[in-house]
């Protein structure tokens, strides 16, 4: 388990979660980059994505990066369930079979963190994948506190087609003999193997696998790439946490909360932020068609798909300078807008 002792943390006392459980305290582990200016107008919130901790996806926060740390004060909160913030692996209450986190929970805790730092308004919420989902929740729940949103490869509500992918991941892990119906009593060896093969098949496009860029990165074959990149990466995560984050993803819906009571169109129309909707043209689970439908519901939005063969992975282009430049230019333009 990764030690969080040296990481900034924020504790919320007696947070009633959307699942109905009241935890005595929940812990939000976060990291900051750059310098906060005197009027606190340069704050960027960058929530984490599925399976990721902040150190996995903070590569783009640097001088000259997509989020330029010489200009912006970037706060990266770790999503509940990711193994750093409160998760099944570090909180007994979160390990119960009927327990789940939602983005409504994540964003309310993040709001409390910003309140503690006396930050009233965000210059930008930037998010990829489940981070984009949290960005949309910020825009709907706290429209007066968000000036801009960059939603990269993510939707405000999980589609039925996306659910099938998530159900298959659940089935892969829970189909392992180590699953006793409520918990894993050992390492789900077969479960991890099947889970990562499913994940890799959806996360990049058919054209990506035809091009096989991984052969230039030191992998001998497709099988070697799947084993040493995909499977090795997910084996670093507690499987209970992986299931918890799937549950959060399945429950993503900006209108499923006491504020909007299921009125999805009303929630989307409430977004006051200048919103950049940026899917990848070949994303298989946050499809460009689904993202464009959502962009049309947001009053002040721009739909700008990333022309890429990298599928969902185009939104986190640490091995892909072309897509990185496309995203950086789009974000730079967004940040220069009023």
C-alpha atoms as a PDB file:
ATOM      1  CA  UNK A   1       0.000   0.000   0.000  1.00  0.00           C
ATOM      2  CA  UNK A   2       1.304   3.464  -0.869  1.00  0.00           C
ATOM      3  CA  UNK A   3       2.091   5.567   2.215  1.00  0.00           C
ATOM      4  CA  UNK A   4       0.207   8.856   2.354  1.00  0.00           C
ATOM      5  CA  UNK A   5       2.062  10.251   5.363  1.00  0.00           C
ATOM      6  CA  UNK A   6       4.055  12.772   3.318  1.00  0.00           C
ATOM      7  CA  UNK A   7       1.120  13.834   1.122  1.00  0.00           C
ATOM      8  CA  UNK A   8      -1.210  16.758   1.847  1.00  0.00           C
ATOM      9  CA  UNK A   9      -4.521  15.522   3.208  1.00  0.00           C
ATOM     10  CA  UNK A  10      -7.875  17.006   4.104  1.00  0.00           C
ATOM     11  CA  UNK A  11     -10.361  15.362   6.454  1.00  0.00           C
ATOM     12  CA  UNK A  12     -14.122  15.822   6.209  1.00  0.00           C
ATOM     13  CA  UNK A  13     -15.939  14.880   9.398  1.00  0.00           C
ATOM     14  CA  UNK A  14     -19.303  13.094   9.356  1.00  0.00           C
ATOM     15  CA  UNK A  15     -19.840  13.165   5.604  1.00  0.00           C
ATOM     16  CA  UNK A  16     -23.142  11.543   4.672  1.00  0.00           C
ATOM     17  CA  UNK A  17     -22.436   9.734   1.435  1.00  0.00           C
ATOM     18  CA  UNK A  18     -24.977   9.238  -1.302  1.00  0.00           C
ATOM     19  CA  UNK A  19     -25.206   5.519  -0.521  1.00  0.00           C
ATOM     20  CA  UNK A  20     -26.712   6.502   2.847  1.00  0.00           C
ATOM     21  CA  UNK A  21     -23.681   5.702   4.978  1.00  0.00           C
ATOM     22  CA  UNK A  22     -22.288   8.306   7.362  1.00  0.00           C
ATOM     23  CA  UNK A  23     -18.541   7.904   7.825  1.00  0.00           C
ATOM     24  CA  UNK A  24     -17.028   9.567  10.924  1.00  0.00           C
ATOM     25  CA  UNK A  25     -14.362  10.962   8.641  1.00  0.00           C
ATOM     26  CA  UNK A  26     -13.239  10.710   5.060  1.00  0.00           C
ATOM     27  CA  UNK A  27      -9.765  11.640   3.921  1.00  0.00           C
ATOM     28  CA  UNK A  28      -8.964  13.438   0.693  1.00  0.00           C
ATOM     29  CA  UNK A  29      -5.327  13.067  -0.369  1.00  0.00           C
ATOM     30  CA  UNK A  30      -4.260  15.757  -2.803  1.00  0.00           C
ATOM     31  CA  UNK A  31      -1.216  17.446  -4.332  1.00  0.00           C
ATOM     32  CA  UNK A  32      -0.585  21.009  -5.456  1.00  0.00           C
ATOM     33  CA  UNK A  33       1.659  22.404  -8.189  1.00  0.00           C
ATOM     34  CA  UNK A  34       2.688  25.974  -8.960  1.00  0.00           C
ATOM     35  CA  UNK A  35       2.098  29.120  -6.923  1.00  0.00           C
ATOM     36  CA  UNK A  36      -1.236  30.548  -5.838  1.00  0.00           C
ATOM     37  CA  UNK A  37      -1.473  34.208  -6.858  1.00  0.00           C
ATOM     38  CA  UNK A  38      -2.538  36.977  -4.520  1.00  0.00           C
ATOM     39  CA  UNK A  39      -6.176  37.139  -5.619  1.00  0.00           C
ATOM     40  CA  UNK A  40      -6.485  33.342  -5.960  1.00  0.00           C
ATOM     41  CA  UNK A  41      -7.659  33.655  -9.549  1.00  0.00           C
ATOM     42  CA  UNK A  42      -5.265  31.087 -11.064  1.00  0.00           C
ATOM     43  CA  UNK A  43      -6.611  27.871  -9.506  1.00  0.00           C
ATOM     44  CA  UNK A  44      -7.047  24.764 -11.656  1.00  0.00           C
ATOM     45  CA  UNK A  45      -8.694  21.651 -10.237  1.00  0.00           C
ATOM     46  CA  UNK A  46      -7.517  18.408 -11.874  1.00  0.00           C
ATOM     47  CA  UNK A  47      -9.322  15.338 -10.426  1.00  0.00           C
ATOM     48  CA  UNK A  48      -7.919  11.851 -11.013  1.00  0.00           C
ATOM     49  CA  UNK A  49      -9.246   9.182 -13.374  1.00  0.00           C
ATOM     50  CA  UNK A  50     -10.043   5.456 -13.153  1.00  0.00           C
ATOM     51  CA  UNK A  51      -7.306   3.409 -11.502  1.00  0.00           C
ATOM     52  CA  UNK A  52      -4.990   6.424 -11.367  1.00  0.00           C
ATOM     53  CA  UNK A  53      -3.357   8.181  -8.468  1.00  0.00           C
ATOM     54  CA  UNK A  54      -2.121  11.733  -8.903  1.00  0.00           C
ATOM     55  CA  UNK A  55       1.472  10.659  -9.615  1.00  0.00           C
ATOM     56  CA  UNK A  56       0.243   8.555 -12.550  1.00  0.00           C
ATOM     57  CA  UNK A  57      -1.342  11.465 -14.418  1.00  0.00           C
ATOM     58  CA  UNK A  58       0.372  14.652 -13.212  1.00  0.00           C
ATOM     59  CA  UNK A  59       2.991  14.522 -15.994  1.00  0.00           C
ATOM     60  CA  UNK A  60       1.060  17.200 -17.918  1.00  0.00           C
ATOM     61  CA  UNK A  61       1.423  19.689 -15.039  1.00  0.00           C
ATOM     62  CA  UNK A  62       4.775  21.326 -15.773  1.00  0.00           C
ATOM     63  CA  UNK A  63       6.339  24.396 -17.330  1.00  0.00           C
ATOM     64  CA  UNK A  64       5.082  24.452 -20.910  1.00  0.00           C
ATOM     65  CA  UNK A  65       2.749  21.520 -20.264  1.00  0.00           C
ATOM     66  CA  UNK A  66      -0.973  21.205 -20.935  1.00  0.00           C
ATOM     67  CA  UNK A  67      -1.430  22.700 -17.457  1.00  0.00           C
ATOM     68  CA  UNK A  68       1.472  25.134 -17.155  1.00  0.00           C
ATOM     69  CA  UNK A  69       2.596  25.213 -13.529  1.00  0.00           C
ATOM     70  CA  UNK A  70       4.380  28.553 -14.059  1.00  0.00           C
ATOM     71  CA  UNK A  71       0.978  30.173 -14.673  1.00  0.00           C
ATOM     72  CA  UNK A  72      -1.541  28.094 -12.801  1.00  0.00           C
ATOM     73  CA  UNK A  73      -1.923  26.754  -9.275  1.00  0.00           C
ATOM     74  CA  UNK A  74      -3.064  23.181  -9.870  1.00  0.00           C
ATOM     75  CA  UNK A  75      -4.794  21.132  -7.183  1.00  0.00           C
ATOM     76  CA  UNK A  76      -5.055  17.382  -7.823  1.00  0.00           C
ATOM     77  CA  UNK A  77      -7.497  15.622  -5.483  1.00  0.00           C
ATOM     78  CA  UNK A  78      -7.396  11.836  -5.517  1.00  0.00           C
ATOM     79  CA  UNK A  79     -10.773  10.286  -6.197  1.00  0.00           C
ATOM     80  CA  UNK A  80     -12.398   8.241  -3.443  1.00  0.00           C
ATOM     81  CA  UNK A  81     -11.658   4.558  -4.007  1.00  0.00           C
ATOM     82  CA  UNK A  82      -8.266   5.039  -5.695  1.00  0.00           C
ATOM     83  CA  UNK A  83      -6.230   3.742  -2.753  1.00  0.00           C
ATOM     84  CA  UNK A  84      -4.931   7.100  -1.494  1.00  0.00           C
ATOM     85  CA  UNK A  85      -8.096   8.956  -0.505  1.00  0.00           C
ATOM     86  CA  UNK A  86     -10.657   6.986   1.518  1.00  0.00           C
ATOM     87  CA  UNK A  87     -11.042   3.599  -0.190  1.00  0.00           C
ATOM     88  CA  UNK A  88     -12.031   0.002   0.581  1.00  0.00           C
ATOM     89  CA  UNK A  89      -8.325  -0.784   1.050  1.00  0.00           C
ATOM     90  CA  UNK A  90      -7.836   1.743   3.853  1.00  0.00           C
ATOM     91  CA  UNK A  91     -11.280   2.166   5.429  1.00  0.00           C
ATOM     92  CA  UNK A  92     -13.292  -0.657   6.961  1.00  0.00           C
ATOM     93  CA  UNK A  93     -16.591   1.157   6.457  1.00  0.00           C
ATOM     94  CA  UNK A  94     -15.890   1.553   2.740  1.00  0.00           C
ATOM     95  CA  UNK A  95     -15.340  -2.193   2.386  1.00  0.00           C
ATOM     96  CA  UNK A  96     -18.973  -3.149   3.100  1.00  0.00           C
ATOM     97  CA  UNK A  97     -20.746  -4.911   0.233  1.00  0.00           C
ATOM     98  CA  UNK A  98     -23.554  -2.324   0.039  1.00  0.00           C
ATOM     99  CA  UNK A  99     -21.200   0.656   0.158  1.00  0.00           C
ATOM    100  CA  UNK A 100     -20.338   2.884  -2.799  1.00  0.00           C
ATOM    101  CA  UNK A 101     -18.952   6.318  -3.608  1.00  0.00           C
ATOM    102  CA  UNK A 102     -20.406   8.692  -6.199  1.00  0.00           C
ATOM    103  CA  UNK A 103     -19.053  11.777  -7.902  1.00  0.00           C
ATOM    104  CA  UNK A 104     -21.575  13.728  -5.837  1.00  0.00           C
ATOM    105  CA  UNK A 105     -19.524  12.562  -2.835  1.00  0.00           C
ATOM    106  CA  UNK A 106     -16.187  13.343  -4.514  1.00  0.00           C
ATOM    107  CA  UNK A 107     -17.136  16.861  -5.546  1.00  0.00           C
ATOM    108  CA  UNK A 108     -18.707  17.816  -2.214  1.00  0.00           C
ATOM    109  CA  UNK A 109     -15.493  16.771  -0.453  1.00  0.00           C
ATOM    110  CA  UNK A 110     -13.421  18.720  -2.985  1.00  0.00           C
ATOM    111  CA  UNK A 111     -15.599  21.777  -2.396  1.00  0.00           C
ATOM    112  CA  UNK A 112     -14.924  21.487   1.334  1.00  0.00           C
ATOM    113  CA  UNK A 113     -11.187  21.328   0.604  1.00  0.00           C
ATOM    114  CA  UNK A 114     -11.385  24.533  -1.486  1.00  0.00           C
ATOM    115  CA  UNK A 115     -13.404  26.219   1.249  1.00  0.00           C
ATOM    116  CA  UNK A 116     -10.662  25.360   3.743  1.00  0.00           C
ATOM    117  CA  UNK A 117      -8.140  27.010   1.420  1.00  0.00           C
ATOM    118  CA  UNK A 118     -10.390  30.073   1.023  1.00  0.00           C
ATOM    119  CA  UNK A 119     -10.661  29.485  -2.742  1.00  0.00           C
ATOM    120  CA  UNK A 120     -14.010  30.728  -4.013  1.00  0.00           C
ATOM    121  CA  UNK A 121     -13.743  30.241  -7.778  1.00  0.00           C
ATOM    122  CA  UNK A 122     -11.887  27.937 -10.123  1.00  0.00           C
ATOM    123  CA  UNK A 123     -10.285  29.253 -13.287  1.00  0.00           C
ATOM    124  CA  UNK A 124     -10.633  25.740 -14.728  1.00  0.00           C
ATOM    125  CA  UNK A 125     -11.672  22.221 -13.894  1.00  0.00           C
ATOM    126  CA  UNK A 126      -9.611  19.957 -16.147  1.00  0.00           C
ATOM    127  CA  UNK A 127     -10.440  16.283 -16.280  1.00  0.00           C
ATOM    128  CA  UNK A 128      -9.770  13.209 -18.363  1.00  0.00           C
ATOM    129  CA  UNK A 129     -12.135  10.210 -18.283  1.00  0.00           C
ATOM    130  CA  UNK A 130     -13.581   9.953 -14.755  1.00  0.00           C
ATOM    131  CA  UNK A 131     -11.887  13.285 -14.102  1.00  0.00           C
ATOM    132  CA  UNK A 132     -14.073  14.787 -16.834  1.00  0.00           C
ATOM    133  CA  UNK A 133     -17.096  13.267 -15.110  1.00  0.00           C
ATOM    134  CA  UNK A 134     -16.112  15.117 -11.935  1.00  0.00           C
ATOM    135  CA  UNK A 135     -15.636  18.299 -13.964  1.00  0.00           C
ATOM    136  CA  UNK A 136     -19.211  18.091 -15.218  1.00  0.00           C
ATOM    137  CA  UNK A 137     -20.420  17.534 -11.665  1.00  0.00           C
ATOM    138  CA  UNK A 138     -18.580  20.673 -10.576  1.00  0.00           C
ATOM    139  CA  UNK A 139     -20.238  22.607 -13.387  1.00  0.00           C
ATOM    140  CA  UNK A 140     -23.729  21.458 -12.445  1.00  0.00           C
ATOM    141  CA  UNK A 141     -23.493  21.515  -8.650  1.00  0.00           C
ATOM    142  CA  UNK A 142     -21.482  24.720  -8.248  1.00  0.00           C
ATOM    143  CA  UNK A 143     -21.939  26.721 -11.463  1.00  0.00           C
ATOM    144  CA  UNK A 144     -21.020  30.007  -9.780  1.00  0.00           C
ATOM    145  CA  UNK A 145     -17.639  28.619  -8.697  1.00  0.00           C
ATOM    146  CA  UNK A 146     -16.358  27.337 -12.057  1.00  0.00           C
ATOM    147  CA  UNK A 147     -15.225  29.656 -14.853  1.00  0.00           C
ATOM    148  CA  UNK A 148     -14.142  27.000 -17.364  1.00  0.00           C
ATOM    149  CA  UNK A 149     -14.273  23.229 -17.826  1.00  0.00           C
ATOM    150  CA  UNK A 150     -12.079  21.081 -20.067  1.00  0.00           C
ATOM    151  CA  UNK A 151     -13.824  17.717 -20.326  1.00  0.00           C
ATOM    152  CA  UNK A 152     -11.415  15.369 -22.102  1.00  0.00           C
ATOM    153  CA  UNK A 153     -12.747  11.955 -23.141  1.00  0.00           C
ATOM    154  CA  UNK A 154     -15.584  11.791 -20.651  1.00  0.00           C
ATOM    155  CA  UNK A 155     -19.343  12.231 -20.330  1.00  0.00           C
ATOM    156  CA  UNK A 156     -21.640  13.764 -17.736  1.00  0.00           C
ATOM    157  CA  UNK A 157     -23.724  10.601 -17.595  1.00  0.00           C
ATOM    158  CA  UNK A 158     -22.634   7.016 -18.172  1.00  0.00           C
ATOM    159  CA  UNK A 159     -24.273   5.621 -21.302  1.00  0.00           C
ATOM    160  CA  UNK A 160     -25.818   2.173 -21.578  1.00  0.00           C
ATOM    161  CA  UNK A 161     -23.136   1.083 -24.040  1.00  0.00           C
ATOM    162  CA  UNK A 162     -20.450   2.175 -21.574  1.00  0.00           C
ATOM    163  CA  UNK A 163     -22.198   0.164 -18.855  1.00  0.00           C
ATOM    164  CA  UNK A 164     -21.668  -3.057 -20.801  1.00  0.00           C
ATOM    165  CA  UNK A 165     -17.921  -2.449 -20.720  1.00  0.00           C
ATOM    166  CA  UNK A 166     -18.052  -1.812 -16.966  1.00  0.00           C
ATOM    167  CA  UNK A 167     -20.208  -4.881 -16.313  1.00  0.00           C
ATOM    168  CA  UNK A 168     -17.642  -6.998 -18.158  1.00  0.00           C
ATOM    169  CA  UNK A 169     -14.855  -5.648 -15.930  1.00  0.00           C
ATOM    170  CA  UNK A 170     -16.879  -6.444 -12.815  1.00  0.00           C
ATOM    171  CA  UNK A 171     -17.588  -9.935 -14.096  1.00  0.00           C
ATOM    172  CA  UNK A 172     -13.913 -10.541 -14.884  1.00  0.00           C
ATOM    173  CA  UNK A 173     -12.824  -9.732 -11.341  1.00  0.00           C
ATOM    174  CA  UNK A 174     -15.732 -11.329  -9.509  1.00  0.00           C
ATOM    175  CA  UNK A 175     -15.525 -14.460 -11.656  1.00  0.00           C
ATOM    176  CA  UNK A 176     -12.180 -15.312 -10.085  1.00  0.00           C
ATOM    177  CA  UNK A 177     -12.149 -18.148  -7.525  1.00  0.00           C
ATOM    178  CA  UNK A 178     -10.709 -15.724  -4.945  1.00  0.00           C
ATOM    179  CA  UNK A 179     -14.037 -13.839  -4.849  1.00  0.00           C
ATOM    180  CA  UNK A 180     -16.222 -15.183  -2.004  1.00  0.00           C
ATOM    181  CA  UNK A 181     -19.321 -13.193  -2.916  1.00  0.00           C
ATOM    182  CA  UNK A 182     -18.361 -10.121  -0.898  1.00  0.00           C
ATOM    183  CA  UNK A 183     -14.549  -9.941  -0.752  1.00  0.00           C
ATOM    184  CA  UNK A 184     -11.429 -11.367  -2.330  1.00  0.00           C
ATOM    185  CA  UNK A 185      -9.742 -13.899  -0.054  1.00  0.00           C
ATOM    186  CA  UNK A 186      -6.590 -13.873  -2.177  1.00  0.00           C
ATOM    187  CA  UNK A 187      -5.109 -12.367  -5.308  1.00  0.00           C
ATOM    188  CA  UNK A 188      -7.543 -12.764  -8.238  1.00  0.00           C
ATOM    189  CA  UNK A 189      -4.918 -14.056 -10.661  1.00  0.00           C
ATOM    190  CA  UNK A 190      -7.291 -15.023 -13.463  1.00  0.00           C
ATOM    191  CA  UNK A 191      -9.482 -12.033 -12.718  1.00  0.00           C
ATOM    192  CA  UNK A 192      -6.652  -9.539 -13.197  1.00  0.00           C
ATOM    193  CA  UNK A 193      -5.628 -11.238 -16.434  1.00  0.00           C
ATOM    194  CA  UNK A 194      -9.128 -11.140 -17.945  1.00  0.00           C
ATOM    195  CA  UNK A 195      -9.838  -7.647 -16.608  1.00  0.00           C
ATOM    196  CA  UNK A 196      -6.775  -6.143 -18.278  1.00  0.00           C
ATOM    197  CA  UNK A 197      -7.392  -7.855 -21.617  1.00  0.00           C
ATOM    198  CA  UNK A 198     -10.925  -6.438 -21.693  1.00  0.00           C
ATOM    199  CA  UNK A 199      -9.674  -3.009 -20.657  1.00  0.00           C
ATOM    200  CA  UNK A 200      -6.943  -2.893 -23.300  1.00  0.00           C
ATOM    201  CA  UNK A 201      -9.370  -3.920 -26.047  1.00  0.00           C
ATOM    202  CA  UNK A 202     -11.655  -0.952 -25.309  1.00  0.00           C
ATOM    203  CA  UNK A 203      -9.110   1.704 -24.335  1.00  0.00           C
ATOM    204  CA  UNK A 204      -7.439   2.019 -27.749  1.00  0.00           C
ATOM    205  CA  UNK A 205      -8.833   1.741 -31.253  1.00  0.00           C
ATOM    206  CA  UNK A 206      -8.552  -0.893 -33.941  1.00  0.00           C
ATOM    207  CA  UNK A 207      -6.293   1.457 -35.912  1.00  0.00           C
ATOM    208  CA  UNK A 208      -4.017   1.795 -32.871  1.00  0.00           C
ATOM    209  CA  UNK A 209      -3.502  -1.954 -32.720  1.00  0.00           C
ATOM    210  CA  UNK A 210      -2.887  -2.101 -36.448  1.00  0.00           C
ATOM    211  CA  UNK A 211      -0.180   0.537 -36.053  1.00  0.00           C
ATOM    212  CA  UNK A 212       1.236  -1.276 -32.974  1.00  0.00           C
ATOM    213  CA  UNK A 213       3.277   1.657 -31.564  1.00  0.00           C
ATOM    214  CA  UNK A 214       4.123  -0.419 -28.491  1.00  0.00           C
ATOM    215  CA  UNK A 215       6.607  -2.418 -30.565  1.00  0.00           C
ATOM    216  CA  UNK A 216       8.745   0.745 -30.609  1.00  0.00           C
ATOM    217  CA  UNK A 217       8.664   0.988 -26.796  1.00  0.00           C
ATOM    218  CA  UNK A 218      10.517  -2.248 -26.106  1.00  0.00           C
ATOM    219  CA  UNK A 219       7.676  -4.760 -26.126  1.00  0.00           C
ATOM    220  CA  UNK A 220       8.257  -7.892 -28.204  1.00  0.00           C
ATOM    221  CA  UNK A 221       4.652  -8.612 -29.134  1.00  0.00           C
ATOM    222  CA  UNK A 222       1.026  -7.775 -28.424  1.00  0.00           C
ATOM    223  CA  UNK A 223       1.009 -10.391 -25.671  1.00  0.00           C
ATOM    224  CA  UNK A 224       4.135  -8.910 -24.084  1.00  0.00           C
ATOM    225  CA  UNK A 225       2.566  -5.433 -24.184  1.00  0.00           C
ATOM    226  CA  UNK A 226      -0.658  -6.636 -22.557  1.00  0.00           C
ATOM    227  CA  UNK A 227       1.242  -8.443 -19.821  1.00  0.00           C
ATOM    228  CA  UNK A 228       3.997  -5.987 -18.936  1.00  0.00           C
ATOM    229  CA  UNK A 229       2.098  -2.743 -19.517  1.00  0.00           C
ATOM    230  CA  UNK A 230      -1.608  -3.295 -18.919  1.00  0.00           C
ATOM    231  CA  UNK A 231      -1.695  -6.224 -16.530  1.00  0.00           C
ATOM    232  CA  UNK A 232       1.357  -5.165 -14.526  1.00  0.00           C
ATOM    233  CA  UNK A 233      -0.157  -1.706 -14.105  1.00  0.00           C
ATOM    234  CA  UNK A 234      -3.525  -2.841 -12.782  1.00  0.00           C
ATOM    235  CA  UNK A 235      -1.970  -5.450 -10.504  1.00  0.00           C
ATOM    236  CA  UNK A 236      -0.572  -2.508  -8.519  1.00  0.00           C
ATOM    237  CA  UNK A 237      -4.123  -1.701  -7.452  1.00  0.00           C
ATOM    238  CA  UNK A 238      -6.189  -3.415  -4.780  1.00  0.00           C
ATOM    239  CA  UNK A 239      -9.007  -5.249  -6.612  1.00  0.00           C
ATOM    240  CA  UNK A 240     -11.554  -3.984  -4.074  1.00  0.00           C
ATOM    241  CA  UNK A 241     -10.591  -0.441  -5.063  1.00  0.00           C
ATOM    242  CA  UNK A 242     -10.945  -1.284  -8.752  1.00  0.00           C
ATOM    243  CA  UNK A 243     -14.473  -2.514  -8.085  1.00  0.00           C
ATOM    244  CA  UNK A 244     -15.279   0.603  -6.042  1.00  0.00           C
ATOM    245  CA  UNK A 245     -14.200   2.926  -8.861  1.00  0.00           C
ATOM    246  CA  UNK A 246     -16.243   0.903 -11.366  1.00  0.00           C
ATOM    247  CA  UNK A 247     -19.264   1.423  -9.121  1.00  0.00           C
ATOM    248  CA  UNK A 248     -18.644   5.178  -9.083  1.00  0.00           C
ATOM    249  CA  UNK A 249     -18.345   5.182 -12.871  1.00  0.00           C
ATOM    250  CA  UNK A 250     -21.554   3.176 -13.284  1.00  0.00           C
ATOM    251  CA  UNK A 251     -23.399   5.666 -11.096  1.00  0.00           C
ATOM    252  CA  UNK A 252     -22.141   8.761 -12.928  1.00  0.00           C
ATOM    253  CA  UNK A 253     -25.103  11.041 -13.684  1.00  0.00           C
ATOM    254  CA  UNK A 254     -24.958  14.789 -13.012  1.00  0.00           C
ATOM    255  CA  UNK A 255     -28.701  14.817 -12.337  1.00  0.00           C
ATOM    256  CA  UNK A 256     -28.782  11.906  -9.866  1.00  0.00           C
ATOM    257  CA  UNK A 257     -28.655  14.027  -6.727  1.00  0.00           C
ATOM    258  CA  UNK A 258     -30.957  16.104  -4.484  1.00  0.00           C
ATOM    259  CA  UNK A 259     -30.262  19.244  -6.529  1.00  0.00           C
ATOM    260  CA  UNK A 260     -31.643  18.018  -9.887  1.00  0.00           C
ATOM    261  CA  UNK A 261     -33.635  14.931  -8.838  1.00  0.00           C
ATOM    262  CA  UNK A 262     -33.066  13.154 -12.142  1.00  0.00           C
ATOM    263  CA  UNK A 263     -33.626  16.089 -14.514  1.00  0.00           C
ATOM    264  CA  UNK A 264     -30.576  15.537 -16.717  1.00  0.00           C
ATOM    265  CA  UNK A 265     -31.281  18.287 -19.271  1.00  0.00           C
ATOM    266  CA  UNK A 266     -31.855  20.829 -16.533  1.00  0.00           C
ATOM    267  CA  UNK A 267     -28.548  19.863 -14.930  1.00  0.00           C
ATOM    268  CA  UNK A 268     -26.656  20.250 -18.202  1.00  0.00           C
ATOM    269  CA  UNK A 269     -28.275  23.615 -18.934  1.00  0.00           C
ATOM    270  CA  UNK A 270     -27.209  24.820 -15.492  1.00  0.00           C
ATOM    271  CA  UNK A 271     -23.514  24.675 -16.450  1.00  0.00           C
ATOM    272  CA  UNK A 272     -22.421  28.304 -16.638  1.00  0.00           C
ATOM    273  CA  UNK A 273     -18.750  27.605 -17.315  1.00  0.00           C
ATOM    274  CA  UNK A 274     -17.188  28.002 -20.730  1.00  0.00           C
ATOM    275  CA  UNK A 275     -16.902  24.282 -21.516  1.00  0.00           C
ATOM    276  CA  UNK A 276     -14.516  22.547 -23.885  1.00  0.00           C
ATOM    277  CA  UNK A 277     -15.915  19.123 -24.817  1.00  0.00           C
ATOM    278  CA  UNK A 278     -13.012  17.158 -26.225  1.00  0.00           C
ATOM    279  CA  UNK A 279     -13.521  13.448 -26.984  1.00  0.00           C
ATOM    280  CA  UNK A 280     -11.213  11.387 -29.147  1.00  0.00           C
ATOM    281  CA  UNK A 281     -12.580  10.509 -32.574  1.00  0.00           C
ATOM    282  CA  UNK A 282     -11.879   6.816 -31.937  1.00  0.00           C
ATOM    283  CA  UNK A 283     -12.853   6.544 -28.254  1.00  0.00           C
ATOM    284  CA  UNK A 284     -14.902   3.375 -27.845  1.00  0.00           C
ATOM    285  CA  UNK A 285     -16.592   4.097 -24.536  1.00  0.00           C
ATOM    286  CA  UNK A 286     -16.910   7.888 -24.407  1.00  0.00           C
ATOM    287  CA  UNK A 287     -17.816   8.104 -28.066  1.00  0.00           C
ATOM    288  CA  UNK A 288     -17.635  11.390 -29.991  1.00  0.00           C
ATOM    289  CA  UNK A 289     -21.340  11.090 -30.814  1.00  0.00           C
ATOM    290  CA  UNK A 290     -22.272  10.837 -27.133  1.00  0.00           C
ATOM    291  CA  UNK A 291     -19.998  13.762 -26.252  1.00  0.00           C
ATOM    292  CA  UNK A 292     -21.421  15.938 -29.021  1.00  0.00           C
ATOM    293  CA  UNK A 293     -24.972  15.290 -27.808  1.00  0.00           C
ATOM    294  CA  UNK A 294     -23.930  16.524 -24.374  1.00  0.00           C
ATOM    295  CA  UNK A 295     -22.066  19.536 -25.771  1.00  0.00           C
ATOM    296  CA  UNK A 296     -25.300  20.644 -27.431  1.00  0.00           C
ATOM    297  CA  UNK A 297     -27.021  20.720 -24.024  1.00  0.00           C
ATOM    298  CA  UNK A 298     -24.446  23.069 -22.445  1.00  0.00           C
ATOM    299  CA  UNK A 299     -25.160  26.770 -23.019  1.00  0.00           C
ATOM    300  CA  UNK A 300     -21.542  27.907 -23.550  1.00  0.00           C
ATOM    301  CA  UNK A 301     -19.659  24.961 -25.024  1.00  0.00           C
ATOM    302  CA  UNK A 302     -17.230  24.129 -27.784  1.00  0.00           C
ATOM    303  CA  UNK A 303     -17.077  20.632 -29.251  1.00  0.00           C
ATOM    304  CA  UNK A 304     -13.531  19.887 -30.416  1.00  0.00           C
ATOM    305  CA  UNK A 305     -12.726  16.177 -30.931  1.00  0.00           C
ATOM    306  CA  UNK A 306      -9.120  14.972 -30.895  1.00  0.00           C
ATOM    307  CA  UNK A 307      -8.332  13.439 -34.335  1.00  0.00           C
ATOM    308  CA  UNK A 308      -6.481  10.377 -33.106  1.00  0.00           C
ATOM    309  CA  UNK A 309      -6.148   6.619 -33.537  1.00  0.00           C
ATOM    310  CA  UNK A 310      -5.295   6.271 -29.840  1.00  0.00           C
ATOM    311  CA  UNK A 311      -8.905   5.921 -28.727  1.00  0.00           C
ATOM    312  CA  UNK A 312      -9.552   6.772 -25.089  1.00  0.00           C
ATOM    313  CA  UNK A 313      -5.824   6.946 -24.466  1.00  0.00           C
ATOM    314  CA  UNK A 314      -5.632  10.066 -26.642  1.00  0.00           C
ATOM    315  CA  UNK A 315      -6.853  11.964 -23.584  1.00  0.00           C
ATOM    316  CA  UNK A 316      -3.751  11.033 -21.569  1.00  0.00           C
ATOM    317  CA  UNK A 317      -1.099  11.331 -24.297  1.00  0.00           C
ATOM    318  CA  UNK A 318       2.118  10.900 -22.312  1.00  0.00           C
ATOM    319  CA  UNK A 319       3.555   8.732 -25.134  1.00  0.00           C
ATOM    320  CA  UNK A 320       1.887  10.708 -27.905  1.00  0.00           C
ATOM    321  CA  UNK A 321       3.272  14.221 -28.641  1.00  0.00           C
ATOM    322  CA  UNK A 322       0.825  14.894 -31.487  1.00  0.00           C
ATOM    323  CA  UNK A 323      -2.284  14.491 -29.344  1.00  0.00           C
ATOM    324  CA  UNK A 324      -0.601  16.289 -26.444  1.00  0.00           C
ATOM    325  CA  UNK A 325      -0.025  19.331 -28.659  1.00  0.00           C
ATOM    326  CA  UNK A 326      -3.642  19.265 -29.882  1.00  0.00           C
ATOM    327  CA  UNK A 327      -4.959  19.238 -26.311  1.00  0.00           C
ATOM    328  CA  UNK A 328      -2.491  21.887 -25.155  1.00  0.00           C
ATOM    329  CA  UNK A 329      -3.483  24.296 -27.929  1.00  0.00           C
ATOM    330  CA  UNK A 330      -7.176  23.801 -27.198  1.00  0.00           C
ATOM    331  CA  UNK A 331      -6.678  24.334 -23.448  1.00  0.00           C
ATOM    332  CA  UNK A 332      -4.486  27.410 -24.049  1.00  0.00           C
ATOM    333  CA  UNK A 333      -7.261  28.942 -26.154  1.00  0.00           C
ATOM    334  CA  UNK A 334      -9.826  28.101 -23.504  1.00  0.00           C
ATOM    335  CA  UNK A 335      -7.729  29.743 -20.779  1.00  0.00           C
ATOM    336  CA  UNK A 336      -7.393  32.932 -22.841  1.00  0.00           C
ATOM    337  CA  UNK A 337     -11.168  33.186 -23.219  1.00  0.00           C
ATOM    338  CA  UNK A 338     -13.130  35.549 -20.995  1.00  0.00           C
END
